[in-house]
Amino acid sequence: KSTIVALLAKAFVKRGFMVLVIDSDKSNITLHKMIGVDAPSSTL
């Protein structure tokens, strides 16, 4: 799931879309690394 989300987010951004990714997975909070942003200060 995280891999698919990261690839989709990057593809949409590359095509000029504004993208908001919300990760509600409480057991694996590494999606931010996959999309290349800083870790959130707090979780959802």
PDB file of all heavy atoms in Angstrom:
ATOM      1  N   LYS A   1       0.821  -1.216   0.000  1.00  0.00           N
ATOM      2  CA  LYS A   1       0.000   0.000   0.000  1.00  0.00           C
ATOM      3  C   LYS A   1       0.854   1.264   0.000  1.00  0.00           C
ATOM      4  O   LYS A   1       0.616   2.169  -0.801  1.00  0.00           O
ATOM      5  CB  LYS A   1      -0.934   0.021   1.216  1.00  0.00           C
ATOM      6  CG  LYS A   1      -1.925  -1.120   1.282  1.00  0.00           C
ATOM      7  CD  LYS A   1      -2.732  -1.086   2.569  1.00  0.00           C
ATOM      8  CE  LYS A   1      -1.897  -1.240   3.815  1.00  0.00           C
ATOM      9  NZ  LYS A   1      -1.254  -2.529   4.005  1.00  0.00           N
ATOM     10  N   SER A   2       1.835   1.322   0.872  1.00  0.00           N
ATOM     11  CA  SER A   2       2.667   2.529   0.971  1.00  0.00           C
ATOM     12  C   SER A   2       3.441   2.761  -0.323  1.00  0.00           C
ATOM     13  O   SER A   2       3.578   3.903  -0.772  1.00  0.00           O
ATOM     14  CB  SER A   2       3.643   2.412   2.144  1.00  0.00           C
ATOM     15  OG  SER A   2       2.936   2.387   3.362  1.00  0.00           O
ATOM     16  N   THR A   3       3.920   1.712  -0.924  1.00  0.00           N
ATOM     17  CA  THR A   3       4.654   1.837  -2.191  1.00  0.00           C
ATOM     18  C   THR A   3       3.741   2.389  -3.283  1.00  0.00           C
ATOM     19  O   THR A   3       4.116   3.316  -4.018  1.00  0.00           O
ATOM     20  CB  THR A   3       5.224   0.476  -2.620  1.00  0.00           C
ATOM     21  OG1 THR A   3       6.089  -0.002  -1.586  1.00  0.00           O
ATOM     22  CG2 THR A   3       5.987   0.583  -3.921  1.00  0.00           C
ATOM     23  N   ILE A   4       2.538   1.853  -3.386  1.00  0.00           N
ATOM     24  CA  ILE A   4       1.576   2.324  -4.386  1.00  0.00           C
ATOM     25  C   ILE A   4       1.233   3.794  -4.152  1.00  0.00           C
ATOM     26  O   ILE A   4       1.201   4.595  -5.091  1.00  0.00           O
ATOM     27  CB  ILE A   4       0.294   1.458  -4.364  1.00  0.00           C
ATOM     28  CG1 ILE A   4       0.602   0.039  -4.831  1.00  0.00           C
ATOM     29  CG2 ILE A   4      -0.825   2.084  -5.187  1.00  0.00           C
ATOM     30  CD1 ILE A   4       1.074  -0.068  -6.262  1.00  0.00           C
ATOM     31  N   VAL A   5       0.979   4.157  -2.899  1.00  0.00           N
ATOM     32  CA  VAL A   5       0.633   5.544  -2.574  1.00  0.00           C
ATOM     33  C   VAL A   5       1.784   6.477  -2.935  1.00  0.00           C
ATOM     34  O   VAL A   5       1.574   7.541  -3.534  1.00  0.00           O
ATOM     35  CB  VAL A   5       0.249   5.681  -1.092  1.00  0.00           C
ATOM     36  CG1 VAL A   5       0.176   7.142  -0.671  1.00  0.00           C
ATOM     37  CG2 VAL A   5      -1.074   4.991  -0.828  1.00  0.00           C
ATOM     38  N   ALA A   6       3.006   6.100  -2.588  1.00  0.00           N
ATOM     39  CA  ALA A   6       4.164   6.942  -2.891  1.00  0.00           C
ATOM     40  C   ALA A   6       4.331   7.118  -4.402  1.00  0.00           C
ATOM     41  O   ALA A   6       4.564   8.238  -4.884  1.00  0.00           O
ATOM     42  CB  ALA A   6       5.424   6.335  -2.287  1.00  0.00           C
ATOM     43  N   LEU A   7       4.197   6.049  -5.148  1.00  0.00           N
ATOM     44  CA  LEU A   7       4.344   6.129  -6.605  1.00  0.00           C
ATOM     45  C   LEU A   7       3.223   6.971  -7.232  1.00  0.00           C
ATOM     46  O   LEU A   7       3.485   7.791  -8.121  1.00  0.00           O
ATOM     47  CB  LEU A   7       4.365   4.728  -7.212  1.00  0.00           C
ATOM     48  CG  LEU A   7       5.605   3.890  -6.878  1.00  0.00           C
ATOM     49  CD1 LEU A   7       5.418   2.448  -7.341  1.00  0.00           C
ATOM     50  CD2 LEU A   7       6.858   4.497  -7.488  1.00  0.00           C
ATOM     51  N   LEU A   8       1.988   6.772  -6.773  1.00  0.00           N
ATOM     52  CA  LEU A   8       0.877   7.579  -7.288  1.00  0.00           C
ATOM     53  C   LEU A   8       1.056   9.058  -6.958  1.00  0.00           C
ATOM     54  O   LEU A   8       0.846   9.924  -7.809  1.00  0.00           O
ATOM     55  CB  LEU A   8      -0.456   7.087  -6.716  1.00  0.00           C
ATOM     56  CG  LEU A   8      -1.029   5.810  -7.313  1.00  0.00           C
ATOM     57  CD1 LEU A   8      -2.237   5.342  -6.501  1.00  0.00           C
ATOM     58  CD2 LEU A   8      -1.416   6.021  -8.763  1.00  0.00           C
ATOM     59  N   ALA A   9       1.435   9.349  -5.719  1.00  0.00           N
ATOM     60  CA  ALA A   9       1.627  10.747  -5.301  1.00  0.00           C
ATOM     61  C   ALA A   9       2.695  11.422  -6.157  1.00  0.00           C
ATOM     62  O   ALA A   9       2.497  12.538  -6.648  1.00  0.00           O
ATOM     63  CB  ALA A   9       2.001  10.808  -3.825  1.00  0.00           C
ATOM     64  N   LYS A  10       3.814  10.748  -6.345  1.00  0.00           N
ATOM     65  CA  LYS A  10       4.891  11.319  -7.156  1.00  0.00           C
ATOM     66  C   LYS A  10       4.455  11.520  -8.605  1.00  0.00           C
ATOM     67  O   LYS A  10       4.780  12.529  -9.231  1.00  0.00           O
ATOM     68  CB  LYS A  10       6.123  10.428  -7.087  1.00  0.00           C
ATOM     69  CG  LYS A  10       6.819  10.496  -5.740  1.00  0.00           C
ATOM     70  CD  LYS A  10       8.031   9.589  -5.694  1.00  0.00           C
ATOM     71  CE  LYS A  10       8.718   9.662  -4.353  1.00  0.00           C
ATOM     72  NZ  LYS A  10       9.944   8.849  -4.314  1.00  0.00           N
ATOM     73  N   ALA A  11       3.697  10.570  -9.145  1.00  0.00           N
ATOM     74  CA  ALA A  11       3.222  10.688 -10.528  1.00  0.00           C
ATOM     75  C   ALA A  11       2.259  11.855 -10.683  1.00  0.00           C
ATOM     76  O   ALA A  11       2.337  12.612 -11.660  1.00  0.00           O
ATOM     77  CB  ALA A  11       2.562   9.383 -10.961  1.00  0.00           C
ATOM     78  N   PHE A  12       1.344  12.029  -9.726  1.00  0.00           N
ATOM     79  CA  PHE A  12       0.395  13.142  -9.799  1.00  0.00           C
ATOM     80  C   PHE A  12       1.106  14.485  -9.664  1.00  0.00           C
ATOM     81  O   PHE A  12       0.784  15.439 -10.373  1.00  0.00           O
ATOM     82  CB  PHE A  12      -0.697  13.007  -8.737  1.00  0.00           C
ATOM     83  CG  PHE A  12      -1.742  11.974  -9.063  1.00  0.00           C
ATOM     84  CD1 PHE A  12      -2.120  11.032  -8.131  1.00  0.00           C
ATOM     85  CD2 PHE A  12      -2.352  11.955 -10.299  1.00  0.00           C
ATOM     86  CE1 PHE A  12      -3.089  10.085  -8.417  1.00  0.00           C
ATOM     87  CE2 PHE A  12      -3.331  11.008 -10.609  1.00  0.00           C
ATOM     88  CZ  PHE A  12      -3.697  10.072  -9.663  1.00  0.00           C
ATOM     89  N   VAL A  13       2.055  14.592  -8.751  1.00  0.00           N
ATOM     90  CA  VAL A  13       2.814  15.840  -8.584  1.00  0.00           C
ATOM     91  C   VAL A  13       3.575  16.166  -9.866  1.00  0.00           C
ATOM     92  O   VAL A  13       3.591  17.309 -10.317  1.00  0.00           O
ATOM     93  CB  VAL A  13       3.769  15.748  -7.372  1.00  0.00           C
ATOM     94  CG1 VAL A  13       4.771  16.886  -7.378  1.00  0.00           C
ATOM     95  CG2 VAL A  13       2.978  15.737  -6.074  1.00  0.00           C
ATOM     96  N   LYS A  14       4.180  15.161 -10.455  1.00  0.00           N
ATOM     97  CA  LYS A  14       4.941  15.348 -11.699  1.00  0.00           C
ATOM     98  C   LYS A  14       4.044  15.888 -12.816  1.00  0.00           C
ATOM     99  O   LYS A  14       4.497  16.620 -13.681  1.00  0.00           O
ATOM    100  CB  LYS A  14       5.572  14.024 -12.114  1.00  0.00           C
ATOM    101  CG  LYS A  14       6.526  14.124 -13.255  1.00  0.00           C
ATOM    102  CD  LYS A  14       7.196  12.780 -13.516  1.00  0.00           C
ATOM    103  CE  LYS A  14       8.203  12.886 -14.628  1.00  0.00           C
ATOM    104  NZ  LYS A  14       8.888  11.609 -14.853  1.00  0.00           N
ATOM    105  N   ARG A  15       2.774  15.541 -12.779  1.00  0.00           N
ATOM    106  CA  ARG A  15       1.821  15.996 -13.795  1.00  0.00           C
ATOM    107  C   ARG A  15       1.132  17.312 -13.409  1.00  0.00           C
ATOM    108  O   ARG A  15       0.194  17.743 -14.063  1.00  0.00           O
ATOM    109  CB  ARG A  15       0.788  14.908 -14.054  1.00  0.00           C
ATOM    110  CG  ARG A  15       1.378  13.756 -14.851  1.00  0.00           C
ATOM    111  CD  ARG A  15       0.494  12.540 -14.848  1.00  0.00           C
ATOM    112  NE  ARG A  15       1.033  11.459 -15.645  1.00  0.00           N
ATOM    113  CZ  ARG A  15       2.021  10.648 -15.290  1.00  0.00           C
ATOM    114  NH1 ARG A  15       2.626  10.827 -14.124  1.00  0.00           N
ATOM    115  NH2 ARG A  15       2.442   9.674 -16.063  1.00  0.00           N
ATOM    116  N   GLY A  16       1.589  17.928 -12.321  1.00  0.00           N
ATOM    117  CA  GLY A  16       1.103  19.249 -11.954  1.00  0.00           C
ATOM    118  C   GLY A  16      -0.050  19.293 -10.964  1.00  0.00           C
ATOM    119  O   GLY A  16      -0.574  20.363 -10.683  1.00  0.00           O
ATOM    120  N   PHE A  17      -0.453  18.159 -10.428  1.00  0.00           N
ATOM    121  CA  PHE A  17      -1.535  18.134  -9.453  1.00  0.00           C
ATOM    122  C   PHE A  17      -1.012  18.483  -8.067  1.00  0.00           C
ATOM    123  O   PHE A  17       0.138  18.190  -7.738  1.00  0.00           O
ATOM    124  CB  PHE A  17      -2.181  16.741  -9.380  1.00  0.00           C
ATOM    125  CG  PHE A  17      -2.974  16.370 -10.591  1.00  0.00           C
ATOM    126  CD1 PHE A  17      -2.375  15.685 -11.641  1.00  0.00           C
ATOM    127  CD2 PHE A  17      -4.313  16.701 -10.686  1.00  0.00           C
ATOM    128  CE1 PHE A  17      -3.091  15.331 -12.758  1.00  0.00           C
ATOM    129  CE2 PHE A  17      -5.050  16.352 -11.800  1.00  0.00           C
ATOM    130  CZ  PHE A  17      -4.435  15.665 -12.848  1.00  0.00           C
ATOM    131  N   MET A  18      -1.874  19.091  -7.251  1.00  0.00           N
ATOM    132  CA  MET A  18      -1.567  19.276  -5.836  1.00  0.00           C
ATOM    133  C   MET A  18      -1.999  17.999  -5.132  1.00  0.00           C
ATOM    134  O   MET A  18      -3.099  17.501  -5.379  1.00  0.00           O
ATOM    135  CB  MET A  18      -2.303  20.480  -5.276  1.00  0.00           C
ATOM    136  CG  MET A  18      -1.825  21.790  -5.849  1.00  0.00           C
ATOM    137  SD  MET A  18      -2.681  23.205  -5.150  1.00  0.00           S
ATOM    138  CE  MET A  18      -2.158  23.122  -3.455  1.00  0.00           C
ATOM    139  N   VAL A  19      -1.140  17.480  -4.275  1.00  0.00           N
ATOM    140  CA  VAL A  19      -1.396  16.179  -3.654  1.00  0.00           C
ATOM    141  C   VAL A  19      -1.328  16.298  -2.141  1.00  0.00           C
ATOM    142  O   VAL A  19      -0.417  16.920  -1.602  1.00  0.00           O
ATOM    143  CB  VAL A  19      -0.355  15.134  -4.134  1.00  0.00           C
ATOM    144  CG1 VAL A  19      -0.537  13.815  -3.418  1.00  0.00           C
ATOM    145  CG2 VAL A  19      -0.450  14.949  -5.639  1.00  0.00           C
ATOM    146  N   LEU A  20      -2.290  15.699  -1.467  1.00  0.00           N
ATOM    147  CA  LEU A  20      -2.297  15.580  -0.013  1.00  0.00           C
ATOM    148  C   LEU A  20      -2.327  14.096   0.307  1.00  0.00           C
ATOM    149  O   LEU A  20      -3.246  13.390  -0.109  1.00  0.00           O
ATOM    150  CB  LEU A  20      -3.517  16.267   0.598  1.00  0.00           C
ATOM    151  CG  LEU A  20      -3.757  16.022   2.091  1.00  0.00           C
ATOM    152  CD1 LEU A  20      -2.615  16.610   2.917  1.00  0.00           C
ATOM    153  CD2 LEU A  20      -5.091  16.605   2.509  1.00  0.00           C
ATOM    154  N   VAL A  21      -1.326  13.623   1.024  1.00  0.00           N
ATOM    155  CA  VAL A  21      -1.268  12.219   1.418  1.00  0.00           C
ATOM    156  C   VAL A  21      -1.496  12.151   2.922  1.00  0.00           C
ATOM    157  O   VAL A  21      -0.814  12.817   3.697  1.00  0.00           O
ATOM    158  CB  VAL A  21       0.105  11.589   1.071  1.00  0.00           C
ATOM    159  CG1 VAL A  21       0.194  10.168   1.592  1.00  0.00           C
ATOM    160  CG2 VAL A  21       0.340  11.625  -0.429  1.00  0.00           C
ATOM    161  N   ILE A  22      -2.474  11.349   3.320  1.00  0.00           N
ATOM    162  CA  ILE A  22      -2.771  11.147   4.738  1.00  0.00           C
ATOM    163  C   ILE A  22      -2.520   9.690   5.054  1.00  0.00           C
ATOM    164  O   ILE A  22      -3.140   8.812   4.462  1.00  0.00           O
ATOM    165  CB  ILE A  22      -4.224  11.528   5.077  1.00  0.00           C
ATOM    166  CG1 ILE A  22      -4.468  12.997   4.736  1.00  0.00           C
ATOM    167  CG2 ILE A  22      -4.524  11.229   6.537  1.00  0.00           C
ATOM    168  CD1 ILE A  22      -5.895  13.435   4.890  1.00  0.00           C
ATOM    169  N   ASP A  23      -1.605   9.445   5.977  1.00  0.00           N
ATOM    170  CA  ASP A  23      -1.265   8.077   6.371  1.00  0.00           C
ATOM    171  C   ASP A  23      -1.873   7.795   7.733  1.00  0.00           C
ATOM    172  O   ASP A  23      -1.484   8.375   8.728  1.00  0.00           O
ATOM    173  CB  ASP A  23       0.254   7.917   6.431  1.00  0.00           C
ATOM    174  CG  ASP A  23       0.703   6.499   6.683  1.00  0.00           C
ATOM    175  OD1 ASP A  23      -0.168   5.605   6.788  1.00  0.00           O
ATOM    176  OD2 ASP A  23       1.917   6.270   6.774  1.00  0.00           O
ATOM    177  N   SER A  24      -2.847   6.906   7.775  1.00  0.00           N
ATOM    178  CA  SER A  24      -3.498   6.586   9.045  1.00  0.00           C
ATOM    179  C   SER A  24      -3.026   5.251   9.607  1.00  0.00           C
ATOM    180  O   SER A  24      -3.644   4.705  10.512  1.00  0.00           O
ATOM    181  CB  SER A  24      -5.020   6.577   8.878  1.00  0.00           C
ATOM    182  OG  SER A  24      -5.403   5.566   7.975  1.00  0.00           O
ATOM    183  N   ASP A  25      -1.938   4.731   9.083  1.00  0.00           N
ATOM    184  CA  ASP A  25      -1.398   3.462   9.562  1.00  0.00           C
ATOM    185  C   ASP A  25      -0.601   3.710  10.833  1.00  0.00           C
ATOM    186  O   ASP A  25       0.476   4.276  10.801  1.00  0.00           O
ATOM    187  CB  ASP A  25      -0.509   2.830   8.496  1.00  0.00           C
ATOM    188  CG  ASP A  25      -0.026   1.442   8.854  1.00  0.00           C
ATOM    189  OD1 ASP A  25      -0.183   1.034  10.029  1.00  0.00           O
ATOM    190  OD2 ASP A  25       0.506   0.757   7.968  1.00  0.00           O
ATOM    191  N   LYS A  26      -1.147   3.278  11.961  1.00  0.00           N
ATOM    192  CA  LYS A  26      -0.488   3.549  13.236  1.00  0.00           C
ATOM    193  C   LYS A  26       0.688   2.628  13.499  1.00  0.00           C
ATOM    194  O   LYS A  26       1.490   2.878  14.380  1.00  0.00           O
ATOM    195  CB  LYS A  26      -1.491   3.460  14.383  1.00  0.00           C
ATOM    196  CG  LYS A  26      -2.100   2.091  14.571  1.00  0.00           C
ATOM    197  CD  LYS A  26      -3.106   2.105  15.682  1.00  0.00           C
ATOM    198  CE  LYS A  26      -3.712   0.721  15.852  1.00  0.00           C
ATOM    199  NZ  LYS A  26      -4.675   0.676  16.916  1.00  0.00           N
ATOM    200  N   SER A  27       0.828   1.558  12.730  1.00  0.00           N
ATOM    201  CA  SER A  27       1.913   0.606  12.997  1.00  0.00           C
ATOM    202  C   SER A  27       3.132   0.815  12.102  1.00  0.00           C
ATOM    203  O   SER A  27       4.200   0.304  12.388  1.00  0.00           O
ATOM    204  CB  SER A  27       1.402  -0.829  12.830  1.00  0.00           C
ATOM    205  OG  SER A  27       0.998  -1.046  11.492  1.00  0.00           O
ATOM    206  N   ASN A  28       2.987   1.565  11.013  1.00  0.00           N
ATOM    207  CA  ASN A  28       4.103   1.767  10.090  1.00  0.00           C
ATOM    208  C   ASN A  28       4.058   3.189   9.575  1.00  0.00           C
ATOM    209  O   ASN A  28       3.441   3.465   8.554  1.00  0.00           O
ATOM    210  CB  ASN A  28       4.010   0.767   8.926  1.00  0.00           C
ATOM    211  CG  ASN A  28       5.150   0.935   7.941  1.00  0.00           C
ATOM    212  OD1 ASN A  28       6.131   1.596   8.222  1.00  0.00           O
ATOM    213  ND2 ASN A  28       5.004   0.342   6.773  1.00  0.00           N
ATOM    214  N   ILE A  29       4.722   4.083  10.260  1.00  0.00           N
ATOM    215  CA  ILE A  29       4.656   5.498   9.875  1.00  0.00           C
ATOM    216  C   ILE A  29       5.909   5.908   9.104  1.00  0.00           C
ATOM    217  O   ILE A  29       6.619   6.819   9.483  1.00  0.00           O
ATOM    218  CB  ILE A  29       4.419   6.400  11.095  1.00  0.00           C
ATOM    219  CG1 ILE A  29       5.476   6.154  12.175  1.00  0.00           C
ATOM    220  CG2 ILE A  29       3.026   6.203  11.655  1.00  0.00           C
ATOM    221  CD1 ILE A  29       5.460   7.179  13.282  1.00  0.00           C
ATOM    222  N   THR A  30       6.170   5.241   7.995  1.00  0.00           N
ATOM    223  CA  THR A  30       7.357   5.544   7.189  1.00  0.00           C
ATOM    224  C   THR A  30       7.017   6.081   5.806  1.00  0.00           C
ATOM    225  O   THR A  30       7.904   6.285   4.999  1.00  0.00           O
ATOM    226  CB  THR A  30       8.236   4.299   7.031  1.00  0.00           C
ATOM    227  OG1 THR A  30       7.465   3.272   6.391  1.00  0.00           O
ATOM    228  CG2 THR A  30       8.748   3.810   8.366  1.00  0.00           C
ATOM    229  N   LEU A  31       5.760   6.315   5.533  1.00  0.00           N
ATOM    230  CA  LEU A  31       5.365   6.791   4.206  1.00  0.00           C
ATOM    231  C   LEU A  31       6.053   8.110   3.860  1.00  0.00           C
ATOM    232  O   LEU A  31       6.417   8.334   2.707  1.00  0.00           O
ATOM    233  CB  LEU A  31       3.846   6.921   4.112  1.00  0.00           C
ATOM    234  CG  LEU A  31       3.276   7.335   2.762  1.00  0.00           C
ATOM    235  CD1 LEU A  31       3.693   6.360   1.668  1.00  0.00           C
ATOM    236  CD2 LEU A  31       1.770   7.447   2.829  1.00  0.00           C
ATOM    237  N   HIS A  32       6.251   8.966   4.857  1.00  0.00           N
ATOM    238  CA  HIS A  32       6.906  10.253   4.589  1.00  0.00           C
ATOM    239  C   HIS A  32       8.286  10.061   3.973  1.00  0.00           C
ATOM    240  O   HIS A  32       8.692  10.825   3.103  1.00  0.00           O
ATOM    241  CB  HIS A  32       6.998  11.091   5.870  1.00  0.00           C
ATOM    242  CG  HIS A  32       7.930  10.534   6.893  1.00  0.00           C
ATOM    243  ND1 HIS A  32       7.567   9.510   7.736  1.00  0.00           N
ATOM    244  CD2 HIS A  32       9.220  10.833   7.184  1.00  0.00           C
ATOM    245  CE1 HIS A  32       8.594   9.216   8.520  1.00  0.00           C
ATOM    246  NE2 HIS A  32       9.599  10.006   8.196  1.00  0.00           N
ATOM    247  N   LYS A  33       9.003   9.017   4.383  1.00  0.00           N
ATOM    248  CA  LYS A  33      10.320   8.743   3.803  1.00  0.00           C
ATOM    249  C   LYS A  33      10.205   8.351   2.335  1.00  0.00           C
ATOM    250  O   LYS A  33      11.032   8.728   1.512  1.00  0.00           O
ATOM    251  CB  LYS A  33      11.019   7.625   4.574  1.00  0.00           C
ATOM    252  CG  LYS A  33      11.421   8.012   5.977  1.00  0.00           C
ATOM    253  CD  LYS A  33      12.095   6.849   6.673  1.00  0.00           C
ATOM    254  CE  LYS A  33      12.429   7.205   8.105  1.00  0.00           C
ATOM    255  NZ  LYS A  33      13.054   6.083   8.822  1.00  0.00           N
ATOM    256  N   MET A  34       9.163   7.606   2.013  1.00  0.00           N
ATOM    257  CA  MET A  34       8.985   7.136   0.642  1.00  0.00           C
ATOM    258  C   MET A  34       8.654   8.261  -0.321  1.00  0.00           C
ATOM    259  O   MET A  34       8.998   8.193  -1.503  1.00  0.00           O
ATOM    260  CB  MET A  34       7.891   6.071   0.579  1.00  0.00           C
ATOM    261  CG  MET A  34       8.211   4.834   1.379  1.00  0.00           C
ATOM    262  SD  MET A  34       6.830   3.701   1.397  1.00  0.00           S
ATOM    263  CE  MET A  34       7.429   2.497   0.220  1.00  0.00           C
ATOM    264  N   ILE A  35       7.974   9.302   0.178  1.00  0.00           N
ATOM    265  CA  ILE A  35       7.633  10.413  -0.708  1.00  0.00           C
ATOM    266  C   ILE A  35       8.603  11.589  -0.562  1.00  0.00           C
ATOM    267  O   ILE A  35       8.456  12.600  -1.228  1.00  0.00           O
ATOM    268  CB  ILE A  35       6.166  10.871  -0.523  1.00  0.00           C
ATOM    269  CG1 ILE A  35       5.880  11.317   0.902  1.00  0.00           C
ATOM    270  CG2 ILE A  35       5.218   9.777  -0.941  1.00  0.00           C
ATOM    271  CD1 ILE A  35       4.476  11.861   1.106  1.00  0.00           C
ATOM    272  N   GLY A  36       9.596  11.434   0.324  1.00  0.00           N
ATOM    273  CA  GLY A  36      10.668  12.413   0.414  1.00  0.00           C
ATOM    274  C   GLY A  36      10.352  13.674   1.178  1.00  0.00           C
ATOM    275  O   GLY A  36      10.817  14.757   0.807  1.00  0.00           O
ATOM    276  N   VAL A  37       9.569  13.564   2.243  1.00  0.00           N
ATOM    277  CA  VAL A  37       9.277  14.734   3.079  1.00  0.00           C
ATOM    278  C   VAL A  37       9.707  14.452   4.514  1.00  0.00           C
ATOM    279  O   VAL A  37       9.947  13.307   4.888  1.00  0.00           O
ATOM    280  CB  VAL A  37       7.781  15.122   3.036  1.00  0.00           C
ATOM    281  CG1 VAL A  37       7.355  15.503   1.626  1.00  0.00           C
ATOM    282  CG2 VAL A  37       6.898  14.008   3.559  1.00  0.00           C
ATOM    283  N   ASP A  38       9.789  15.513   5.304  1.00  0.00           N
ATOM    284  CA  ASP A  38      10.154  15.357   6.711  1.00  0.00           C
ATOM    285  C   ASP A  38       9.056  14.625   7.473  1.00  0.00           C
ATOM    286  O   ASP A  38       7.882  14.678   7.105  1.00  0.00           O
ATOM    287  CB  ASP A  38      10.388  16.721   7.366  1.00  0.00           C
ATOM    288  CG  ASP A  38      11.607  17.422   6.813  1.00  0.00           C
ATOM    289  OD1 ASP A  38      12.547  16.725   6.357  1.00  0.00           O
ATOM    290  OD2 ASP A  38      11.625  18.667   6.840  1.00  0.00           O
ATOM    291  N   ALA A  39       9.454  13.994   8.556  1.00  0.00           N
ATOM    292  CA  ALA A  39       8.485  13.293   9.412  1.00  0.00           C
ATOM    293  C   ALA A  39       7.520  14.300  10.017  1.00  0.00           C
ATOM    294  O   ALA A  39       7.912  15.415  10.380  1.00  0.00           O
ATOM    295  CB  ALA A  39       9.217  12.540  10.526  1.00  0.00           C
ATOM    296  N   PRO A  40       6.254  13.930  10.115  1.00  0.00           N
ATOM    297  CA  PRO A  40       5.288  14.852  10.732  1.00  0.00           C
ATOM    298  C   PRO A  40       5.573  15.023  12.213  1.00  0.00           C
ATOM    299  O   PRO A  40       6.094  14.120  12.868  1.00  0.00           O
ATOM    300  CB  PRO A  40       3.946  14.156  10.507  1.00  0.00           C
ATOM    301  CG  PRO A  40       4.282  12.715  10.311  1.00  0.00           C
ATOM    302  CD  PRO A  40       5.651  12.670   9.720  1.00  0.00           C
ATOM    303  N   SER A  41       5.239  16.187  12.741  1.00  0.00           N
ATOM    304  CA  SER A  41       5.471  16.441  14.165  1.00  0.00           C
ATOM    305  C   SER A  41       4.493  15.654  15.035  1.00  0.00           C
ATOM    306  O   SER A  41       4.780  15.344  16.182  1.00  0.00           O
ATOM    307  CB  SER A  41       5.363  17.934  14.466  1.00  0.00           C
ATOM    308  OG  SER A  41       4.093  18.415  14.078  1.00  0.00           O
ATOM    309  N   SER A  42       3.321  15.361  14.487  1.00  0.00           N
ATOM    310  CA  SER A  42       2.358  14.510  15.185  1.00  0.00           C
ATOM    311  C   SER A  42       1.644  13.666  14.135  1.00  0.00           C
ATOM    312  O   SER A  42       1.635  14.004  12.956  1.00  0.00           O
ATOM    313  CB  SER A  42       1.366  15.331  15.994  1.00  0.00           C
ATOM    314  OG  SER A  42       0.623  16.172  15.150  1.00  0.00           O
ATOM    315  N   THR A  43       1.030  12.605  14.584  1.00  0.00           N
ATOM    316  CA  THR A  43       0.355  11.714  13.648  1.00  0.00           C
ATOM    317  C   THR A  43      -1.124  12.049  13.557  1.00  0.00           C
ATOM    318  O   THR A  43      -1.666  12.768  14.395  1.00  0.00           O
ATOM    319  CB  THR A  43       0.505  10.242  14.086  1.00  0.00           C
ATOM    320  OG1 THR A  43      -0.230  10.052  15.303  1.00  0.00           O
ATOM    321  CG2 THR A  43       1.954   9.861  14.279  1.00  0.00           C
ATOM    322  N   LEU A  44      -1.775  11.500  12.558  1.00  0.00           N
ATOM    323  CA  LEU A  44      -3.216  11.669  12.426  1.00  0.00           C
ATOM    324  C   LEU A  44      -3.928  11.126  13.654  1.00  0.00           C
ATOM    325  O   LEU A  44      -4.881  11.716  14.139  1.00  0.00           O
ATOM    326  CB  LEU A  44      -3.713  10.952  11.164  1.00  0.00           C
ATOM    327  CG  LEU A  44      -5.207  11.014  10.886  1.00  0.00           C
ATOM    328  CD1 LEU A  44      -5.652  12.450  10.649  1.00  0.00           C
ATOM    329  CD2 LEU A  44      -5.563  10.141   9.695  1.00  0.00           C
TER     330      LEU A  44
END
